[in-house]
Protein backbone atom coordinates (compact mmCIF):
# COMPACT_ATOMS: atom_id res chain seq x y z
CA UNK A 1 85.42 132.92 -24.16
CA UNK A 2 83.36 130.17 -22.22
CA UNK A 3 84.78 127.51 -20.14
CA UNK A 4 84.60 124.12 -21.86
CA UNK A 5 83.85 122.28 -18.67
CA UNK A 6 80.77 124.51 -17.91
CA UNK A 7 79.90 123.89 -21.56
CA UNK A 8 79.82 120.17 -21.16
CA UNK A 9 78.07 120.67 -17.67
CA UNK A 10 75.22 122.63 -19.25
CA UNK A 11 74.87 120.05 -22.26
CA UNK A 12 74.25 117.44 -19.61
CA UNK A 13 71.54 119.21 -17.49
CA UNK A 14 68.61 117.35 -19.47
CA UNK A 15 70.18 113.96 -18.77
CA UNK A 16 70.75 115.13 -15.12
CA UNK A 17 67.30 116.16 -14.62
CA UNK A 18 65.76 113.17 -16.02
CA UNK A 19 67.89 111.07 -13.75
CA UNK A 20 67.11 113.28 -10.82
CA UNK A 21 63.18 112.74 -11.73
CA UNK A 22 63.84 109.05 -11.94
CA UNK A 23 65.34 109.07 -8.13
CA UNK A 24 62.95 111.41 -6.45
CA UNK A 25 59.88 111.61 -8.60
CA UNK A 26 59.19 115.11 -8.08
CA UNK A 27 59.99 117.89 -10.47
CA UNK A 28 60.85 120.44 -7.62
CA UNK A 29 63.09 117.96 -5.81
CA UNK A 30 64.60 117.08 -9.13
CA UNK A 31 65.42 120.66 -9.96
CA UNK A 32 67.01 121.03 -6.50
CA UNK A 33 69.02 117.86 -6.78
CA UNK A 34 70.33 118.78 -10.17
CA UNK A 35 71.21 122.35 -8.81
CA UNK A 36 73.22 120.51 -5.90
CA UNK A 37 74.93 118.38 -8.49
CA UNK A 38 76.09 121.32 -10.57
CA UNK A 39 77.33 123.00 -7.47
CA UNK A 40 79.29 119.85 -6.26
CA UNK A 41 80.59 119.35 -9.57
CA UNK A 42 81.91 122.75 -10.02
CA UNK A 43 83.64 122.61 -6.68
CA UNK A 44 85.22 119.13 -7.44
CA UNK A 45 85.97 120.04 -11.21
CA UNK A 46 89.60 119.49 -10.42
CA UNK A 47 89.09 115.78 -9.71
CA UNK A 48 87.23 114.97 -13.19
CA UNK A 49 89.31 113.19 -15.36
CA UNK A 50 88.86 114.42 -18.77
CA UNK A 51 89.76 110.90 -20.24
CA UNK A 52 86.49 109.62 -18.64
CA UNK A 53 82.72 110.34 -19.63
CA UNK A 54 81.50 113.34 -17.80
CA UNK A 55 77.95 111.76 -17.57
CA UNK A 56 79.18 108.95 -15.39
CA UNK A 57 80.96 111.38 -12.91
CA UNK A 58 78.01 113.79 -12.82
CA UNK A 59 75.53 110.96 -12.29
CA UNK A 60 77.63 109.61 -9.42
CA UNK A 61 77.77 112.92 -7.87
CA UNK A 62 73.91 113.44 -8.34
CA UNK A 63 73.31 109.71 -6.89
CA UNK A 64 75.39 110.62 -3.73
CA UNK A 65 73.55 113.82 -3.47
CA UNK A 66 70.27 111.96 -3.46
CA UNK A 67 71.60 109.40 -0.84
CA UNK A 68 72.44 112.67 1.41
CA UNK A 69 68.85 113.71 0.89
CA UNK A 70 67.22 110.23 1.76
CA UNK A 71 69.46 110.03 4.88
CA UNK A 72 68.37 113.40 5.91
CA UNK A 73 64.67 112.56 5.40
CA UNK A 74 64.79 109.49 7.42
CA UNK A 75 65.75 111.56 10.48
CA UNK A 76 63.24 114.53 9.85
CA UNK A 77 60.68 112.86 7.85
CA UNK A 78 59.88 113.03 4.18
CA UNK A 79 57.59 115.32 2.46
CA UNK A 80 55.30 113.88 -0.13
CA UNK A 81 53.73 115.58 -3.21
CA UNK A 82 50.85 114.30 -5.27
CA UNK A 83 51.98 114.26 -8.96
CA UNK A 84 49.18 113.97 -11.33
CA UNK A 85 49.50 112.53 -14.88
CA UNK A 86 48.78 114.82 -17.72
CA UNK A 87 45.66 114.46 -19.36
CA UNK A 88 45.50 112.72 -22.67
CA UNK A 89 43.81 115.12 -25.18
CA UNK A 90 43.22 112.67 -27.85
CA UNK A 91 42.85 108.90 -27.01
CA UNK A 92 40.92 108.05 -30.51
CA UNK A 93 44.17 108.73 -32.70
CA UNK A 94 47.53 107.22 -32.92
CA UNK A 95 49.01 110.17 -31.08
CA UNK A 96 46.74 109.61 -28.01
CA UNK A 97 47.58 105.68 -28.22
CA UNK A 98 51.27 106.60 -28.00
CA UNK A 99 50.75 108.89 -25.03
CA UNK A 100 48.75 106.34 -23.42
CA UNK A 101 51.39 103.73 -23.87
CA UNK A 102 54.17 106.17 -22.75
CA UNK A 103 51.96 106.84 -19.75
CA UNK A 104 51.53 103.08 -18.78
CA UNK A 105 55.27 102.32 -19.43
CA UNK A 106 56.32 105.14 -16.96
CA UNK A 107 53.72 103.94 -14.27
CA UNK A 108 55.02 100.39 -14.69
CA UNK A 109 58.72 101.73 -14.24
CA UNK A 110 57.81 103.77 -11.32
CA UNK A 111 56.70 100.58 -9.71
CA UNK A 112 59.93 98.91 -9.95
CA UNK A 113 62.10 98.65 -7.11
CA UNK A 114 64.64 101.46 -6.83
CA UNK A 115 67.66 99.49 -7.89
CA UNK A 116 66.00 97.89 -10.71
CA UNK A 117 64.47 101.26 -11.95
CA UNK A 118 67.89 103.35 -11.52
CA UNK A 119 69.72 100.64 -13.52
CA UNK A 120 66.85 100.46 -16.26
CA UNK A 121 66.96 104.16 -16.80
CA UNK A 122 70.63 104.60 -16.64
CA UNK A 123 71.44 101.85 -19.33
CA UNK A 124 68.37 102.23 -21.45
CA UNK A 125 67.54 105.86 -21.26
CA UNK A 126 70.80 107.49 -20.71
CA UNK A 127 72.90 104.99 -22.82
CA UNK A 128 75.55 104.40 -20.13
CA UNK A 129 77.67 100.96 -20.04
CA UNK A 130 77.25 98.35 -17.52
CA UNK A 131 80.75 99.21 -16.47
CA UNK A 132 79.89 103.08 -16.05
CA UNK A 133 76.53 102.30 -14.19
CA UNK A 134 78.48 99.84 -11.84
CA UNK A 135 80.83 102.76 -11.06
CA UNK A 136 78.01 105.24 -10.45
CA UNK A 137 76.26 102.86 -8.21
CA UNK A 138 79.18 101.48 -6.60
CA UNK A 139 78.13 97.80 -7.14
CA UNK A 140 79.79 94.81 -9.32
CA UNK A 141 78.97 94.72 -12.97
CA UNK A 142 77.12 91.50 -12.52
CA UNK A 143 74.79 93.14 -10.08
CA UNK A 144 73.99 95.64 -12.78
CA UNK A 145 73.36 92.93 -15.26
CA UNK A 146 71.15 91.04 -12.92
CA UNK A 147 69.06 94.04 -11.79
CA UNK A 148 68.66 95.03 -15.57
CA UNK A 149 67.36 91.67 -16.39
CA UNK A 150 64.92 91.48 -13.57
CA UNK A 151 63.79 95.05 -14.26
CA UNK A 152 63.13 94.20 -18.00
CA UNK A 153 61.22 90.85 -16.95
CA UNK A 154 59.28 92.68 -14.49
CA UNK A 155 58.43 95.59 -16.84
CA UNK A 156 57.34 93.13 -19.67
CA UNK A 157 55.08 91.28 -16.95
CA UNK A 158 53.49 94.67 -15.89
CA UNK A 159 52.89 95.49 -19.51
CA UNK A 160 51.29 92.18 -20.19
CA UNK A 161 54.14 91.18 -22.61
CA UNK A 162 56.13 87.82 -22.65
CA UNK A 163 59.38 88.13 -20.96
CA UNK A 164 60.62 85.15 -22.77
């Protein structure tokens, strides 16, 4: 019989990796960050409240692990990787247009300040509530709403859309 906690943890791995990628922007680093998150979650599983959403708890662990990495890199210096965007195979059809649009949106999202990008992805992609994101980032709910508004307006501006 499998452990229900482990089952939940495994189910959330794609969400964790997506969030990790949004933070560190490197596939290898994201994988390491997810691994660290899973290790910490397993060690701290007794502190998880089953009445709460596991996503918020896991994202908080992941973010704290990321902060630890950033602090460590400030001391020793950061290693940079050059990530290249995938080539678009067909730019004449709708599928190519959709890929180009997604690529453009992701490039614009990457240009957002870290706080705005993080809030935008947690609310819009991961579907977390403002309260859950506020808990994960350890900031007031109003700050989340403000960052999200600024992120959406900045993204609209970068995409050439009206932010009205």
